[in-house]
All heavy atoms as atom14 arrays in JSON, in Angstrom:
{
  "sequence": "AEPKLLLLDEPAGGLNHGEVEELIGLIRTIRDQRGITVLLVEHHM",
  "atom14_mask": [
    [1, 1, 1, 1, 1, 0, 0, 0, 0, 0, 0, 0, 0, 0],
    [1, 1, 1, 1, 1, 1, 1, 1, 1, 0, 0, 0, 0, 0],
    [1, 1, 1, 1, 1, 1, 1, 0, 0, 0, 0, 0, 0, 0],
    [1, 1, 1, 1, 1, 1, 1, 1, 1, 0, 0, 0, 0, 0],
    [1, 1, 1, 1, 1, 1, 1, 1, 0, 0, 0, 0, 0, 0],
    [1, 1, 1, 1, 1, 1, 1, 1, 0, 0, 0, 0, 0, 0],
    [1, 1, 1, 1, 1, 1, 1, 1, 0, 0, 0, 0, 0, 0],
    [1, 1, 1, 1, 1, 1, 1, 1, 0, 0, 0, 0, 0, 0],
    [1, 1, 1, 1, 1, 1, 1, 1, 0, 0, 0, 0, 0, 0],
    [1, 1, 1, 1, 1, 1, 1, 1, 1, 0, 0, 0, 0, 0],
    [1, 1, 1, 1, 1, 1, 1, 0, 0, 0, 0, 0, 0, 0],
    [1, 1, 1, 1, 1, 0, 0, 0, 0, 0, 0, 0, 0, 0],
    [1, 1, 1, 1, 0, 0, 0, 0, 0, 0, 0, 0, 0, 0],
    [1, 1, 1, 1, 0, 0, 0, 0, 0, 0, 0, 0, 0, 0],
    [1, 1, 1, 1, 1, 1, 1, 1, 0, 0, 0, 0, 0, 0],
    [1, 1, 1, 1, 1, 1, 1, 1, 0, 0, 0, 0, 0, 0],
    [1, 1, 1, 1, 1, 1, 1, 1, 1, 1, 0, 0, 0, 0],
    [1, 1, 1, 1, 0, 0, 0, 0, 0, 0, 0, 0, 0, 0],
    [1, 1, 1, 1, 1, 1, 1, 1, 1, 0, 0, 0, 0, 0],
    [1, 1, 1, 1, 1, 1, 1, 0, 0, 0, 0, 0, 0, 0],
    [1, 1, 1, 1, 1, 1, 1, 1, 1, 0, 0, 0, 0, 0],
    [1, 1, 1, 1, 1, 1, 1, 1, 1, 0, 0, 0, 0, 0],
    [1, 1, 1, 1, 1, 1, 1, 1, 0, 0, 0, 0, 0, 0],
    [1, 1, 1, 1, 1, 1, 1, 1, 0, 0, 0, 0, 0, 0],
    [1, 1, 1, 1, 0, 0, 0, 0, 0, 0, 0, 0, 0, 0],
    [1, 1, 1, 1, 1, 1, 1, 1, 0, 0, 0, 0, 0, 0],
    [1, 1, 1, 1, 1, 1, 1, 1, 0, 0, 0, 0, 0, 0],
    [1, 1, 1, 1, 1, 1, 1, 1, 1, 1, 1, 0, 0, 0],
    [1, 1, 1, 1, 1, 1, 1, 0, 0, 0, 0, 0, 0, 0],
    [1, 1, 1, 1, 1, 1, 1, 1, 0, 0, 0, 0, 0, 0],
    [1, 1, 1, 1, 1, 1, 1, 1, 1, 1, 1, 0, 0, 0],
    [1, 1, 1, 1, 1, 1, 1, 1, 0, 0, 0, 0, 0, 0],
    [1, 1, 1, 1, 1, 1, 1, 1, 1, 0, 0, 0, 0, 0],
    [1, 1, 1, 1, 1, 1, 1, 1, 1, 1, 1, 0, 0, 0],
    [1, 1, 1, 1, 0, 0, 0, 0, 0, 0, 0, 0, 0, 0],
    [1, 1, 1, 1, 1, 1, 1, 1, 0, 0, 0, 0, 0, 0],
    [1, 1, 1, 1, 1, 1, 1, 0, 0, 0, 0, 0, 0, 0],
    [1, 1, 1, 1, 1, 1, 1, 0, 0, 0, 0, 0, 0, 0],
    [1, 1, 1, 1, 1, 1, 1, 1, 0, 0, 0, 0, 0, 0],
    [1, 1, 1, 1, 1, 1, 1, 1, 0, 0, 0, 0, 0, 0],
    [1, 1, 1, 1, 1, 1, 1, 0, 0, 0, 0, 0, 0, 0],
    [1, 1, 1, 1, 1, 1, 1, 1, 1, 0, 0, 0, 0, 0],
    [1, 1, 1, 1, 1, 1, 1, 1, 1, 1, 0, 0, 0, 0],
    [1, 1, 1, 1, 1, 1, 1, 1, 1, 1, 0, 0, 0, 0],
    [1, 1, 1, 1, 1, 1, 1, 1, 0, 0, 0, 0, 0, 0]
  ],
  "atom14_positions": [
    [[31.53, -69.25, 19.54], [30.36, -69.79, 20.34], [30.7, -71.27, 20.82], [29.79, -71.89, 21.38], [29.07, -69.84, 19.48], [0.0, 0.0, 0.0], [0.0, 0.0, 0.0], [0.0, 0.0, 0.0], [0.0, 0.0, 0.0], [0.0, 0.0, 0.0], [0.0, 0.0, 0.0], [0.0, 0.0, 0.0], [0.0, 0.0, 0.0], [0.0, 0.0, 0.0]],
    [[31.88, -71.79, 20.54], [32.37, -73.14, 20.91], [31.37, -74.2, 20.48], [30.86, -74.92, 21.28], [32.51, -73.23, 22.37], [33.51, -72.27, 23.01], [33.73, -72.26, 24.54], [32.84, -72.93, 25.19], [34.75, -71.77, 25.08], [0.0, 0.0, 0.0], [0.0, 0.0, 0.0], [0.0, 0.0, 0.0], [0.0, 0.0, 0.0], [0.0, 0.0, 0.0]],
    [[31.17, -74.23, 19.18], [30.14, -75.16, 18.64], [30.61, -76.57, 18.74], [31.84, -76.82, 18.79], [29.99, -74.78, 17.17], [31.31, -74.19, 16.8], [31.71, -73.49, 18.04], [0.0, 0.0, 0.0], [0.0, 0.0, 0.0], [0.0, 0.0, 0.0], [0.0, 0.0, 0.0], [0.0, 0.0, 0.0], [0.0, 0.0, 0.0], [0.0, 0.0, 0.0]],
    [[29.75, -77.52, 18.87], [30.1, -79.03, 18.72], [29.95, -79.35, 17.29], [30.69, -80.26, 16.75], [29.13, -79.88, 19.58], [29.17, -79.54, 21.06], [28.01, -80.27, 21.76], [27.94, -79.91, 23.23], [26.85, -80.5, 23.92], [0.0, 0.0, 0.0], [0.0, 0.0, 0.0], [0.0, 0.0, 0.0], [0.0, 0.0, 0.0], [0.0, 0.0, 0.0]],
    [[29.07, -78.75, 16.59], [28.82, -78.98, 15.11], [28.97, -77.63, 14.35], [28.26, -76.59, 14.79], [27.47, -79.56, 14.88], [26.97, -79.7, 13.43], [27.83, -80.66, 12.7], [25.5, -80.0, 13.38], [0.0, 0.0, 0.0], [0.0, 0.0, 0.0], [0.0, 0.0, 0.0], [0.0, 0.0, 0.0], [0.0, 0.0, 0.0], [0.0, 0.0, 0.0]],
    [[29.84, -77.55, 13.4], [30.04, -76.36, 12.65], [29.51, -76.57, 11.28], [30.0, -77.52, 10.44], [31.46, -76.06, 12.63], [31.92, -74.78, 11.82], [31.32, -73.6, 12.41], [33.46, -74.56, 11.83], [0.0, 0.0, 0.0], [0.0, 0.0, 0.0], [0.0, 0.0, 0.0], [0.0, 0.0, 0.0], [0.0, 0.0, 0.0], [0.0, 0.0, 0.0]],
    [[28.53, -75.78, 10.85], [27.93, -75.84, 9.45], [28.66, -74.76, 8.63], [28.54, -73.54, 8.93], [26.45, -75.54, 9.52], [25.65, -76.42, 10.44], [24.23, -75.93, 10.47], [25.61, -77.86, 10.1], [0.0, 0.0, 0.0], [0.0, 0.0, 0.0], [0.0, 0.0, 0.0], [0.0, 0.0, 0.0], [0.0, 0.0, 0.0], [0.0, 0.0, 0.0]],
    [[29.28, -75.2, 7.64], [29.99, -74.32, 6.65], [29.32, -74.25, 5.35], [29.22, -75.23, 4.57], [31.49, -74.73, 6.46], [32.39, -74.82, 7.81], [33.77, -75.28, 7.4], [32.43, -73.46, 8.45], [0.0, 0.0, 0.0], [0.0, 0.0, 0.0], [0.0, 0.0, 0.0], [0.0, 0.0, 0.0], [0.0, 0.0, 0.0], [0.0, 0.0, 0.0]],
    [[28.81, -73.11, 5.0], [28.02, -72.94, 3.7], [29.02, -72.24, 2.7], [29.15, -71.09, 2.75], [26.87, -72.19, 4.09], [25.77, -72.15, 2.85], [26.13, -72.7, 1.78], [24.67, -71.64, 3.0], [0.0, 0.0, 0.0], [0.0, 0.0, 0.0], [0.0, 0.0, 0.0], [0.0, 0.0, 0.0], [0.0, 0.0, 0.0], [0.0, 0.0, 0.0]],
    [[29.36, -73.03, 1.69], [30.25, -72.53, 0.71], [31.49, -71.78, 1.23], [31.73, -70.64, 0.83], [29.41, -71.6, -0.26], [28.37, -72.27, -1.0], [28.75, -73.2, -2.12], [30.01, -73.29, -2.38], [27.87, -73.8, -2.76], [0.0, 0.0, 0.0], [0.0, 0.0, 0.0], [0.0, 0.0, 0.0], [0.0, 0.0, 0.0], [0.0, 0.0, 0.0]],
    [[32.31, -72.42, 2.08], [33.36, -71.69, 2.65], [34.5, -71.33, 1.75], [35.23, -70.42, 1.92], [33.86, -72.82, 3.71], [33.49, -74.05, 3.23], [32.18, -73.85, 2.64], [0.0, 0.0, 0.0], [0.0, 0.0, 0.0], [0.0, 0.0, 0.0], [0.0, 0.0, 0.0], [0.0, 0.0, 0.0], [0.0, 0.0, 0.0], [0.0, 0.0, 0.0]],
    [[34.59, -71.97, 0.58], [35.59, -71.77, -0.4], [35.14, -70.75, -1.51], [35.9, -70.41, -2.3], [36.05, -73.1, -1.07], [0.0, 0.0, 0.0], [0.0, 0.0, 0.0], [0.0, 0.0, 0.0], [0.0, 0.0, 0.0], [0.0, 0.0, 0.0], [0.0, 0.0, 0.0], [0.0, 0.0, 0.0], [0.0, 0.0, 0.0], [0.0, 0.0, 0.0]],
    [[33.93, -70.39, -1.41], [33.38, -69.54, -2.47], [34.08, -68.2, -2.51], [34.24, -67.56, -1.46], [0.0, 0.0, 0.0], [0.0, 0.0, 0.0], [0.0, 0.0, 0.0], [0.0, 0.0, 0.0], [0.0, 0.0, 0.0], [0.0, 0.0, 0.0], [0.0, 0.0, 0.0], [0.0, 0.0, 0.0], [0.0, 0.0, 0.0], [0.0, 0.0, 0.0]],
    [[34.61, -67.84, -3.65], [35.3, -66.49, -3.79], [36.81, -66.58, -3.4], [37.43, -65.5, -3.44], [0.0, 0.0, 0.0], [0.0, 0.0, 0.0], [0.0, 0.0, 0.0], [0.0, 0.0, 0.0], [0.0, 0.0, 0.0], [0.0, 0.0, 0.0], [0.0, 0.0, 0.0], [0.0, 0.0, 0.0], [0.0, 0.0, 0.0], [0.0, 0.0, 0.0]],
    [[37.26, -67.66, -2.98], [38.62, -67.79, -2.61], [39.6, -68.15, -3.76], [39.17, -68.91, -4.64], [38.92, -68.75, -1.44], [38.01, -68.48, -0.13], [38.31, -69.6, 0.94], [38.21, -67.1, 0.39], [0.0, 0.0, 0.0], [0.0, 0.0, 0.0], [0.0, 0.0, 0.0], [0.0, 0.0, 0.0], [0.0, 0.0, 0.0], [0.0, 0.0, 0.0]],
    [[40.77, -67.72, -3.75], [41.76, -68.1, -4.67], [42.39, -69.52, -4.33], [42.1, -69.91, -3.25], [42.86, -67.1, -4.89], [43.66, -66.64, -3.69], [44.05, -67.64, -3.0], [44.06, -65.49, -3.44], [0.0, 0.0, 0.0], [0.0, 0.0, 0.0], [0.0, 0.0, 0.0], [0.0, 0.0, 0.0], [0.0, 0.0, 0.0], [0.0, 0.0, 0.0]],
    [[43.26, -69.96, -5.26], [43.82, -71.37, -4.96], [44.61, -71.42, -3.78], [44.49, -72.38, -2.84], [44.79, -71.72, -6.0], [45.39, -73.05, -5.88], [44.65, -74.27, -5.94], [46.6, -73.48, -5.55], [45.56, -75.29, -5.82], [46.66, -74.79, -5.56], [0.0, 0.0, 0.0], [0.0, 0.0, 0.0], [0.0, 0.0, 0.0], [0.0, 0.0, 0.0]],
    [[45.39, -70.44, -3.44], [46.2, -70.42, -2.15], [45.24, -70.39, -0.84], [45.54, -71.07, 0.1], [0.0, 0.0, 0.0], [0.0, 0.0, 0.0], [0.0, 0.0, 0.0], [0.0, 0.0, 0.0], [0.0, 0.0, 0.0], [0.0, 0.0, 0.0], [0.0, 0.0, 0.0], [0.0, 0.0, 0.0], [0.0, 0.0, 0.0], [0.0, 0.0, 0.0]],
    [[44.21, -69.63, -1.02], [43.37, -69.41, 0.12], [42.55, -70.76, 0.44], [42.29, -71.17, 1.57], [42.37, -68.24, -0.13], [43.02, -66.87, 0.02], [42.18, -65.7, -0.45], [41.31, -66.0, -1.27], [42.35, -64.65, 0.04], [0.0, 0.0, 0.0], [0.0, 0.0, 0.0], [0.0, 0.0, 0.0], [0.0, 0.0, 0.0], [0.0, 0.0, 0.0]],
    [[42.24, -71.45, -0.69], [41.48, -72.72, -0.6], [42.4, -73.67, 0.11], [41.87, -74.45, 1.0], [41.05, -73.22, -2.05], [40.55, -74.67, -1.81], [39.94, -72.36, -2.47], [0.0, 0.0, 0.0], [0.0, 0.0, 0.0], [0.0, 0.0, 0.0], [0.0, 0.0, 0.0], [0.0, 0.0, 0.0], [0.0, 0.0, 0.0], [0.0, 0.0, 0.0]],
    [[43.69, -73.71, -0.2], [44.6, -74.8, 0.44], [44.7, -74.36, 1.93], [44.78, -75.26, 2.79], [45.97, -74.6, -0.2], [46.01, -75.26, -1.6], [45.59, -76.76, -1.55], [46.12, -77.51, -0.85], [44.75, -77.09, -2.46], [0.0, 0.0, 0.0], [0.0, 0.0, 0.0], [0.0, 0.0, 0.0], [0.0, 0.0, 0.0], [0.0, 0.0, 0.0]],
    [[44.77, -73.01, 2.25], [44.92, -72.66, 3.62], [43.56, -73.17, 4.43], [43.53, -73.59, 5.52], [44.94, -71.24, 3.79], [46.34, -70.68, 3.44], [46.43, -69.13, 3.43], [45.53, -68.54, 3.92], [47.5, -68.55, 3.18], [0.0, 0.0, 0.0], [0.0, 0.0, 0.0], [0.0, 0.0, 0.0], [0.0, 0.0, 0.0], [0.0, 0.0, 0.0]],
    [[42.36, -73.0, 3.75], [41.19, -73.43, 4.32], [41.07, -74.86, 4.64], [40.58, -75.33, 5.54], [39.98, -72.94, 3.37], [38.56, -73.49, 3.86], [38.23, -72.76, 5.11], [37.52, -73.2, 2.69], [0.0, 0.0, 0.0], [0.0, 0.0, 0.0], [0.0, 0.0, 0.0], [0.0, 0.0, 0.0], [0.0, 0.0, 0.0], [0.0, 0.0, 0.0]],
    [[41.62, -75.66, 3.72], [41.69, -77.07, 3.95], [42.5, -77.37, 5.25], [41.99, -78.23, 6.09], [42.36, -77.91, 2.64], [41.46, -77.83, 1.45], [42.73, -79.33, 3.05], [42.03, -78.28, 0.21], [0.0, 0.0, 0.0], [0.0, 0.0, 0.0], [0.0, 0.0, 0.0], [0.0, 0.0, 0.0], [0.0, 0.0, 0.0], [0.0, 0.0, 0.0]],
    [[43.6, -76.77, 5.37], [44.27, -76.97, 6.6], [43.63, -76.48, 7.88], [43.64, -77.1, 8.94], [0.0, 0.0, 0.0], [0.0, 0.0, 0.0], [0.0, 0.0, 0.0], [0.0, 0.0, 0.0], [0.0, 0.0, 0.0], [0.0, 0.0, 0.0], [0.0, 0.0, 0.0], [0.0, 0.0, 0.0], [0.0, 0.0, 0.0], [0.0, 0.0, 0.0]],
    [[42.87, -75.42, 7.75], [42.12, -74.86, 8.82], [40.97, -75.8, 9.24], [40.79, -76.05, 10.49], [41.51, -73.51, 8.54], [42.2, -72.26, 8.84], [41.43, -71.09, 8.28], [42.48, -72.16, 10.3], [0.0, 0.0, 0.0], [0.0, 0.0, 0.0], [0.0, 0.0, 0.0], [0.0, 0.0, 0.0], [0.0, 0.0, 0.0], [0.0, 0.0, 0.0]],
    [[40.33, -76.36, 8.36], [39.16, -77.25, 8.71], [39.72, -78.56, 9.32], [39.16, -79.04, 10.26], [38.44, -77.65, 7.37], [37.6, -76.41, 6.87], [37.36, -78.77, 7.67], [36.91, -76.65, 5.46], [0.0, 0.0, 0.0], [0.0, 0.0, 0.0], [0.0, 0.0, 0.0], [0.0, 0.0, 0.0], [0.0, 0.0, 0.0], [0.0, 0.0, 0.0]],
    [[40.88, -79.07, 8.83], [41.44, -80.14, 9.45], [41.8, -79.98, 10.87], [41.68, -80.79, 11.82], [42.75, -80.64, 8.65], [42.39, -81.4, 7.41], [43.65, -81.76, 6.65], [43.25, -82.53, 5.51], [43.96, -82.57, 4.36], [45.05, -81.77, 4.24], [43.64, -83.16, 3.23], [0.0, 0.0, 0.0], [0.0, 0.0, 0.0], [0.0, 0.0, 0.0]],
    [[42.48, -78.7, 11.18], [42.79, -78.34, 12.5], [41.54, -78.16, 13.43], [41.61, -78.56, 14.59], [43.6, -77.03, 12.47], [44.73, -77.16, 11.69], [44.0, -76.48, 13.85], [0.0, 0.0, 0.0], [0.0, 0.0, 0.0], [0.0, 0.0, 0.0], [0.0, 0.0, 0.0], [0.0, 0.0, 0.0], [0.0, 0.0, 0.0], [0.0, 0.0, 0.0]],
    [[40.54, -77.63, 12.94], [39.29, -77.46, 13.69], [38.86, -78.88, 14.05], [38.31, -79.03, 15.19], [38.31, -76.71, 12.84], [38.62, -75.2, 12.69], [36.84, -76.81, 13.45], [37.84, -74.38, 11.68], [0.0, 0.0, 0.0], [0.0, 0.0, 0.0], [0.0, 0.0, 0.0], [0.0, 0.0, 0.0], [0.0, 0.0, 0.0], [0.0, 0.0, 0.0]],
    [[38.95, -79.74, 13.19], [38.27, -81.09, 13.49], [39.32, -81.84, 14.52], [38.85, -82.36, 15.48], [38.26, -81.96, 12.19], [37.83, -83.44, 12.52], [37.99, -84.27, 11.19], [39.47, -84.29, 10.87], [39.94, -84.72, 9.59], [39.19, -85.11, 8.85], [41.25, -84.65, 9.54], [0.0, 0.0, 0.0], [0.0, 0.0, 0.0], [0.0, 0.0, 0.0]],
    [[40.66, -81.84, 14.2], [41.6, -82.66, 14.91], [42.0, -82.0, 16.15], [42.13, -82.83, 17.22], [42.77, -82.89, 14.0], [42.58, -83.63, 12.7], [41.5, -84.32, 12.63], [43.36, -83.57, 11.8], [0.0, 0.0, 0.0], [0.0, 0.0, 0.0], [0.0, 0.0, 0.0], [0.0, 0.0, 0.0], [0.0, 0.0, 0.0], [0.0, 0.0, 0.0]],
    [[42.16, -80.79, 16.27], [42.68, -80.11, 17.46], [41.64, -79.63, 18.38], [41.79, -79.46, 19.64], [43.72, -79.02, 17.14], [44.98, -79.47, 16.48], [46.0, -78.39, 16.28], [45.93, -77.26, 16.83], [46.98, -78.7, 15.4], [0.0, 0.0, 0.0], [0.0, 0.0, 0.0], [0.0, 0.0, 0.0], [0.0, 0.0, 0.0], [0.0, 0.0, 0.0]],
    [[40.55, -79.16, 17.77], [39.38, -78.57, 18.6], [38.2, -79.49, 18.78], [37.36, -79.23, 19.5], [38.86, -77.31, 17.95], [40.0, -76.25, 18.03], [39.57, -74.91, 17.25], [40.52, -73.96, 17.54], [40.37, -72.79, 18.31], [39.33, -72.68, 19.0], [41.36, -72.03, 18.46], [0.0, 0.0, 0.0], [0.0, 0.0, 0.0], [0.0, 0.0, 0.0]],
    [[38.35, -80.73, 18.15], [37.31, -81.74, 18.35], [35.93, -81.38, 17.77], [34.88, -81.89, 18.39], [0.0, 0.0, 0.0], [0.0, 0.0, 0.0], [0.0, 0.0, 0.0], [0.0, 0.0, 0.0], [0.0, 0.0, 0.0], [0.0, 0.0, 0.0], [0.0, 0.0, 0.0], [0.0, 0.0, 0.0], [0.0, 0.0, 0.0], [0.0, 0.0, 0.0]],
    [[35.84, -80.51, 16.78], [34.56, -80.09, 16.33], [34.17, -80.86, 15.06], [35.02, -80.98, 14.11], [34.71, -78.46, 15.91], [34.98, -77.63, 17.21], [33.41, -78.0, 15.27], [35.24, -76.19, 17.04], [0.0, 0.0, 0.0], [0.0, 0.0, 0.0], [0.0, 0.0, 0.0], [0.0, 0.0, 0.0], [0.0, 0.0, 0.0], [0.0, 0.0, 0.0]],
    [[33.0, -81.2, 15.04], [32.4, -81.85, 13.83], [31.99, -80.89, 12.84], [31.48, -79.82, 13.12], [31.19, -82.67, 14.3], [31.56, -83.71, 15.35], [30.59, -83.49, 13.23], [0.0, 0.0, 0.0], [0.0, 0.0, 0.0], [0.0, 0.0, 0.0], [0.0, 0.0, 0.0], [0.0, 0.0, 0.0], [0.0, 0.0, 0.0], [0.0, 0.0, 0.0]],
    [[32.19, -81.17, 11.56], [32.03, -80.23, 10.48], [31.15, -80.84, 9.38], [31.27, -81.99, 8.97], [33.33, -79.8, 9.76], [33.01, -78.77, 8.7], [34.31, -79.04, 10.79], [0.0, 0.0, 0.0], [0.0, 0.0, 0.0], [0.0, 0.0, 0.0], [0.0, 0.0, 0.0], [0.0, 0.0, 0.0], [0.0, 0.0, 0.0], [0.0, 0.0, 0.0]],
    [[30.08, -80.25, 9.08], [29.19, -80.43, 7.98], [29.34, -79.29, 6.97], [29.0, -78.16, 7.32], [27.73, -80.7, 8.33], [26.8, -80.89, 7.25], [27.03, -82.2, 6.52], [25.35, -81.01, 7.77], [0.0, 0.0, 0.0], [0.0, 0.0, 0.0], [0.0, 0.0, 0.0], [0.0, 0.0, 0.0], [0.0, 0.0, 0.0], [0.0, 0.0, 0.0]],
    [[29.8, -79.47, 5.73], [29.97, -78.47, 4.88], [29.22, -78.61, 3.57], [29.21, -79.66, 2.95], [31.47, -78.15, 4.62], [32.32, -79.24, 3.93], [32.41, -78.99, 2.43], [33.7, -79.15, 4.38], [0.0, 0.0, 0.0], [0.0, 0.0, 0.0], [0.0, 0.0, 0.0], [0.0, 0.0, 0.0], [0.0, 0.0, 0.0], [0.0, 0.0, 0.0]],
    [[28.74, -77.54, 3.04], [28.09, -77.56, 1.67], [29.2, -76.82, 0.84], [29.7, -75.67, 1.13], [26.83, -76.69, 1.61], [26.46, -76.37, 0.25], [25.73, -77.47, 2.25], [0.0, 0.0, 0.0], [0.0, 0.0, 0.0], [0.0, 0.0, 0.0], [0.0, 0.0, 0.0], [0.0, 0.0, 0.0], [0.0, 0.0, 0.0], [0.0, 0.0, 0.0]],
    [[29.5, -77.35, -0.35], [30.57, -76.85, -1.19], [30.55, -77.29, -2.51], [30.24, -78.46, -2.83], [31.98, -77.22, -0.55], [33.2, -76.61, -1.15], [33.05, -75.03, -1.17], [33.21, -74.32, -0.17], [32.82, -74.66, -2.38], [0.0, 0.0, 0.0], [0.0, 0.0, 0.0], [0.0, 0.0, 0.0], [0.0, 0.0, 0.0], [0.0, 0.0, 0.0]],
    [[30.75, -76.41, -3.5], [30.87, -76.8, -4.86], [32.29, -76.99, -5.31], [32.59, -77.62, -6.42], [30.31, -75.57, -5.74], [28.76, -75.55, -5.73], [28.07, -74.63, -5.07], [27.97, -76.25, -6.52], [26.73, -74.8, -5.36], [26.64, -75.81, -6.17], [0.0, 0.0, 0.0], [0.0, 0.0, 0.0], [0.0, 0.0, 0.0], [0.0, 0.0, 0.0]],
    [[33.21, -76.62, -4.45], [34.71, -76.85, -4.75], [35.05, -78.33, -4.58], [35.37, -78.77, -3.5], [35.54, -75.95, -3.92], [37.05, -75.8, -4.45], [37.89, -76.91, -4.54], [37.63, -74.66, -5.02], [38.99, -76.5, -4.98], [38.84, -75.17, -5.32], [0.0, 0.0, 0.0], [0.0, 0.0, 0.0], [0.0, 0.0, 0.0], [0.0, 0.0, 0.0]],
    [[34.89, -79.17, -5.53], [35.07, -80.65, -5.42], [36.4, -81.1, -4.88], [36.45, -82.09, -4.15], [34.71, -81.29, -6.8], [33.19, -81.33, -7.23], [32.19, -82.08, -5.99], [31.55, -80.82, -5.06], [0.0, 0.0, 0.0], [0.0, 0.0, 0.0], [0.0, 0.0, 0.0], [0.0, 0.0, 0.0], [0.0, 0.0, 0.0], [0.0, 0.0, 0.0]]
  ]
}
């Protein structure tokens, strides 16, 4: 939907360690390359 603001609700929930590391890279790419602002709720400190 080409958001300007992306709300991520527990994006790491249920993911293993490797998938969490991939998610970190994805969120950075979404911010840096796509210019999308991210607000995330997360328990994975």
